[in-house]
Amino acid sequence: MPSETLIDAGPIVAYLDRAEKVLHPWAKTQFQRQESFVTCEAVLAEACARLAYKGLDQDKVLALVERGSLTLDFDLSTNLVRVRRLLEKYADQPMDLADACLVVMSEERRNPLLLTLDWEDFKVYRRHGREVIPTVPKPSTAV
């Protein structure tokens, strides 16, 4: 049983973008199953940027925080060295700041589970240098 479920930007955007035919129903189910998810400001910034790019309301991301569906629990200033090391280690991968923060967040938890759309990327990233980060399985209809 996971201690906490972390969430990446992709599922947040899929949940809020009702026009997304394949991933919206899956993301909606995930939000219905889980009372709240743990994340960081970098993920929120990425989700807001993606929504803005699609012409959708960024405030819906912040409303998820306000109503308690998303809980912020990460301090980049105290984890800066570890985040920078991860970005350096995975420089040949598509790791961004939000991904690095999520890896560190997974290291701070005993039995984390990650809700992401970047399944292939997180198969490569390792917590504590060697452990796979458990992810919620992707829907069979996802690419």
C-alpha atoms as a PDB file:
ATOM      1  CA  MET A   1       0.000   0.000   0.000  1.00  0.00           C
ATOM      2  CA  PRO A   2       1.504   3.359  -0.978  1.00  0.00           C
ATOM      3  CA  SER A   3       2.207   5.809   1.808  1.00  0.00           C
ATOM      4  CA  GLU A   4       1.387   8.739  -0.474  1.00  0.00           C
ATOM      5  CA  THR A   5       0.601   9.248  -4.124  1.00  0.00           C
ATOM      6  CA  LEU A   6       2.691  11.874  -5.859  1.00  0.00           C
ATOM      7  CA  ILE A   7       1.334  13.565  -8.966  1.00  0.00           C
ATOM      8  CA  ASP A   8       3.032  14.974 -12.055  1.00  0.00           C
ATOM      9  CA  ALA A   9       1.703  17.735 -14.319  1.00  0.00           C
ATOM     10  CA  GLY A  10       0.349  15.475 -17.066  1.00  0.00           C
ATOM     11  CA  PRO A  11      -2.466  13.874 -15.072  1.00  0.00           C
ATOM     12  CA  ILE A  12      -3.465  17.262 -13.640  1.00  0.00           C
ATOM     13  CA  VAL A  13      -3.782  18.694 -17.148  1.00  0.00           C
ATOM     14  CA  ALA A  14      -5.618  15.587 -18.393  1.00  0.00           C
ATOM     15  CA  TYR A  15      -8.048  15.866 -15.482  1.00  0.00           C
ATOM     16  CA  LEU A  16      -8.772  19.527 -16.191  1.00  0.00           C
ATOM     17  CA  ASP A  17      -8.889  19.229 -20.005  1.00  0.00           C
ATOM     18  CA  ARG A  18     -12.267  17.673 -20.761  1.00  0.00           C
ATOM     19  CA  ALA A  19     -11.515  17.794 -24.493  1.00  0.00           C
ATOM     20  CA  GLU A  20      -8.794  15.169 -23.941  1.00  0.00           C
ATOM     21  CA  LYS A  21     -10.738  12.078 -25.029  1.00  0.00           C
ATOM     22  CA  VAL A  22      -8.323   9.306 -24.014  1.00  0.00           C
ATOM     23  CA  LEU A  23      -6.599  10.546 -20.868  1.00  0.00           C
ATOM     24  CA  HIS A  24      -9.323  12.701 -19.281  1.00  0.00           C
ATOM     25  CA  PRO A  25     -11.520   9.732 -18.265  1.00  0.00           C
ATOM     26  CA  TRP A  26      -8.486   7.929 -16.827  1.00  0.00           C
ATOM     27  CA  ALA A  27      -7.338  11.012 -14.901  1.00  0.00           C
ATOM     28  CA  LYS A  28     -10.878  11.644 -13.645  1.00  0.00           C
ATOM     29  CA  THR A  29     -10.975   8.079 -12.287  1.00  0.00           C
ATOM     30  CA  GLN A  30      -7.628   8.632 -10.517  1.00  0.00           C
ATOM     31  CA  PHE A  31      -8.924  11.805  -8.856  1.00  0.00           C
ATOM     32  CA  GLN A  32     -12.085   9.988  -7.777  1.00  0.00           C
ATOM     33  CA  ARG A  33     -10.052   7.146  -6.232  1.00  0.00           C
ATOM     34  CA  GLN A  34      -7.701   9.390  -4.281  1.00  0.00           C
ATOM     35  CA  GLU A  35      -8.702  12.036  -1.792  1.00  0.00           C
ATOM     36  CA  SER A  36      -5.535  14.036  -2.386  1.00  0.00           C
ATOM     37  CA  PHE A  37      -2.180  13.925  -4.144  1.00  0.00           C
ATOM     38  CA  VAL A  38       1.183  15.315  -3.064  1.00  0.00           C
ATOM     39  CA  THR A  39       3.149  17.502  -5.437  1.00  0.00           C
ATOM     40  CA  CYS A  40       5.451  20.529  -5.696  1.00  0.00           C
ATOM     41  CA  GLU A  41       5.421  24.046  -7.118  1.00  0.00           C
ATOM     42  CA  ALA A  42       7.419  22.996 -10.195  1.00  0.00           C
ATOM     43  CA  VAL A  43       4.641  20.568 -11.147  1.00  0.00           C
ATOM     44  CA  LEU A  44       2.012  23.267 -10.625  1.00  0.00           C
ATOM     45  CA  ALA A  45       3.959  25.698 -12.809  1.00  0.00           C
ATOM     46  CA  GLU A  46       4.247  23.095 -15.565  1.00  0.00           C
ATOM     47  CA  ALA A  47       0.534  22.235 -15.362  1.00  0.00           C
ATOM     48  CA  CYS A  48      -0.421  25.925 -15.482  1.00  0.00           C
ATOM     49  CA  ALA A  49       1.824  26.514 -18.498  1.00  0.00           C
ATOM     50  CA  ARG A  50       0.351  23.543 -20.363  1.00  0.00           C
ATOM     51  CA  LEU A  51      -3.197  24.707 -19.666  1.00  0.00           C
ATOM     52  CA  ALA A  52      -2.354  28.261 -20.780  1.00  0.00           C
ATOM     53  CA  TYR A  53      -0.841  26.877 -23.989  1.00  0.00           C
ATOM     54  CA  LYS A  54      -4.150  25.102 -24.656  1.00  0.00           C
ATOM     55  CA  GLY A  55      -6.089  28.280 -23.895  1.00  0.00           C
ATOM     56  CA  LEU A  56      -7.525  26.810 -20.682  1.00  0.00           C
ATOM     57  CA  ASP A  57      -7.889  28.413 -17.268  1.00  0.00           C
ATOM     58  CA  GLN A  58      -4.722  28.075 -15.145  1.00  0.00           C
ATOM     59  CA  ASP A  59      -6.664  28.989 -12.012  1.00  0.00           C
ATOM     60  CA  LYS A  60      -8.229  25.517 -12.029  1.00  0.00           C
ATOM     61  CA  VAL A  61      -4.838  24.116 -10.956  1.00  0.00           C
ATOM     62  CA  LEU A  62      -4.692  26.499  -8.020  1.00  0.00           C
ATOM     63  CA  ALA A  63      -8.294  25.659  -7.136  1.00  0.00           C
ATOM     64  CA  LEU A  64      -7.236  21.993  -6.784  1.00  0.00           C
ATOM     65  CA  VAL A  65      -4.688  23.125  -4.200  1.00  0.00           C
ATOM     66  CA  GLU A  66      -7.201  25.328  -2.445  1.00  0.00           C
ATOM     67  CA  ARG A  67      -9.748  22.531  -2.099  1.00  0.00           C
ATOM     68  CA  GLY A  68      -7.124  20.058  -0.882  1.00  0.00           C
ATOM     69  CA  SER A  69      -6.956  17.746  -3.909  1.00  0.00           C
ATOM     70  CA  LEU A  70      -3.301  18.715  -4.328  1.00  0.00           C
ATOM     71  CA  THR A  71      -0.998  19.157  -1.340  1.00  0.00           C
ATOM     72  CA  LEU A  72       2.318  20.959  -1.721  1.00  0.00           C
ATOM     73  CA  ASP A  73       5.081  19.232   0.227  1.00  0.00           C
ATOM     74  CA  PHE A  74       8.506  20.031  -1.156  1.00  0.00           C
ATOM     75  CA  ASP A  75      11.160  22.622  -0.376  1.00  0.00           C
ATOM     76  CA  LEU A  76      13.465  23.146  -3.330  1.00  0.00           C
ATOM     77  CA  SER A  77      15.895  25.280  -1.322  1.00  0.00           C
ATOM     78  CA  THR A  78      16.683  22.408   1.058  1.00  0.00           C
ATOM     79  CA  ASN A  79      16.844  19.865  -1.788  1.00  0.00           C
ATOM     80  CA  LEU A  80      18.680  21.972  -4.358  1.00  0.00           C
ATOM     81  CA  VAL A  81      21.918  19.944  -4.342  1.00  0.00           C
ATOM     82  CA  ARG A  82      20.076  16.639  -4.884  1.00  0.00           C
ATOM     83  CA  VAL A  83      17.851  18.108  -7.610  1.00  0.00           C
ATOM     84  CA  ARG A  84      20.889  19.517  -9.440  1.00  0.00           C
ATOM     85  CA  ARG A  85      22.660  16.159  -9.232  1.00  0.00           C
ATOM     86  CA  LEU A  86      19.655  14.431 -10.753  1.00  0.00           C
ATOM     87  CA  LEU A  87      19.420  16.978 -13.566  1.00  0.00           C
ATOM     88  CA  GLU A  88      23.106  16.421 -14.270  1.00  0.00           C
ATOM     89  CA  LYS A  89      22.832  12.618 -14.068  1.00  0.00           C
ATOM     90  CA  TYR A  90      19.862  12.512 -16.449  1.00  0.00           C
ATOM     91  CA  ALA A  91      21.016  15.301 -18.780  1.00  0.00           C
ATOM     92  CA  ASP A  92      20.677  12.863 -21.702  1.00  0.00           C
ATOM     93  CA  GLN A  93      17.036  12.193 -20.765  1.00  0.00           C
ATOM     94  CA  PRO A  94      13.969  14.430 -20.893  1.00  0.00           C
ATOM     95  CA  MET A  95      14.171  15.137 -17.136  1.00  0.00           C
ATOM     96  CA  ASP A  96      12.980  18.606 -16.218  1.00  0.00           C
ATOM     97  CA  LEU A  97      12.848  20.402 -12.876  1.00  0.00           C
ATOM     98  CA  ALA A  98       9.437  18.963 -11.981  1.00  0.00           C
ATOM     99  CA  ASP A  99      10.638  15.406 -12.695  1.00  0.00           C
ATOM    100  CA  ALA A 100      13.759  15.877 -10.566  1.00  0.00           C
ATOM    101  CA  CYS A 101      11.674  17.253  -7.709  1.00  0.00           C
ATOM    102  CA  LEU A 102       9.321  14.262  -7.934  1.00  0.00           C
ATOM    103  CA  VAL A 103      12.265  11.842  -7.784  1.00  0.00           C
ATOM    104  CA  VAL A 104      13.515  13.560  -4.623  1.00  0.00           C
ATOM    105  CA  MET A 105      10.005  13.578  -3.186  1.00  0.00           C
ATOM    106  CA  SER A 106       9.816   9.827  -3.821  1.00  0.00           C
ATOM    107  CA  GLU A 107      13.065   9.406  -1.891  1.00  0.00           C
ATOM    108  CA  GLU A 108      11.563  11.187   1.107  1.00  0.00           C
ATOM    109  CA  ARG A 109       8.677   8.709   1.338  1.00  0.00           C
ATOM    110  CA  ARG A 110       8.630   5.106   2.408  1.00  0.00           C
ATOM    111  CA  ASN A 111       6.230   3.613  -0.174  1.00  0.00           C
ATOM    112  CA  PRO A 112       5.484   6.282  -2.760  1.00  0.00           C
ATOM    113  CA  LEU A 113       3.348   5.844  -5.826  1.00  0.00           C
ATOM    114  CA  LEU A 114       3.593   8.295  -8.730  1.00  0.00           C
ATOM    115  CA  LEU A 115       0.746   9.352 -10.988  1.00  0.00           C
ATOM    116  CA  THR A 116       2.349  10.473 -14.241  1.00  0.00           C
ATOM    117  CA  LEU A 117       1.914  10.314 -18.000  1.00  0.00           C
ATOM    118  CA  ASP A 118       5.686  10.052 -18.428  1.00  0.00           C
ATOM    119  CA  TRP A 119       5.803   6.311 -17.769  1.00  0.00           C
ATOM    120  CA  GLU A 120       8.782   5.676 -20.039  1.00  0.00           C
ATOM    121  CA  ASP A 121      10.851   8.454 -18.451  1.00  0.00           C
ATOM    122  CA  PHE A 122      10.150   7.289 -14.914  1.00  0.00           C
ATOM    123  CA  LYS A 123      11.165   3.747 -15.867  1.00  0.00           C
ATOM    124  CA  VAL A 124      14.660   5.210 -16.310  1.00  0.00           C
ATOM    125  CA  TYR A 125      14.836   7.557 -13.312  1.00  0.00           C
ATOM    126  CA  ARG A 126      15.889   5.990 -10.012  1.00  0.00           C
ATOM    127  CA  ARG A 127      15.187   6.936  -6.415  1.00  0.00           C
ATOM    128  CA  HIS A 128      18.176   6.547  -4.118  1.00  0.00           C
ATOM    129  CA  GLY A 129      20.228   5.882  -7.262  1.00  0.00           C
ATOM    130  CA  ARG A 130      18.948   2.357  -7.822  1.00  0.00           C
ATOM    131  CA  GLU A 131      15.225   1.918  -7.051  1.00  0.00           C
ATOM    132  CA  VAL A 132      12.476   2.152  -9.643  1.00  0.00           C
ATOM    133  CA  ILE A 133       9.774   4.658  -8.743  1.00  0.00           C
ATOM    134  CA  PRO A 134       6.435   2.833  -8.655  1.00  0.00           C
ATOM    135  CA  THR A 135       3.887   4.433 -10.971  1.00  0.00           C
ATOM    136  CA  VAL A 136       0.159   4.065 -11.459  1.00  0.00           C
ATOM    137  CA  PRO A 137      -0.247   1.888 -14.569  1.00  0.00           C
ATOM    138  CA  LYS A 138      -1.099   3.687 -17.757  1.00  0.00           C
ATOM    139  CA  PRO A 139      -4.488   3.078 -19.315  1.00  0.00           C
ATOM    140  CA  SER A 140      -4.549   0.478 -22.071  1.00  0.00           C
ATOM    141  CA  THR A 141      -5.776   3.129 -24.512  1.00  0.00           C
ATOM    142  CA  ALA A 142      -2.797   5.459 -23.873  1.00  0.00           C
ATOM    143  CA  VAL A 143       0.051   5.674 -26.319  1.00  0.00           C
END
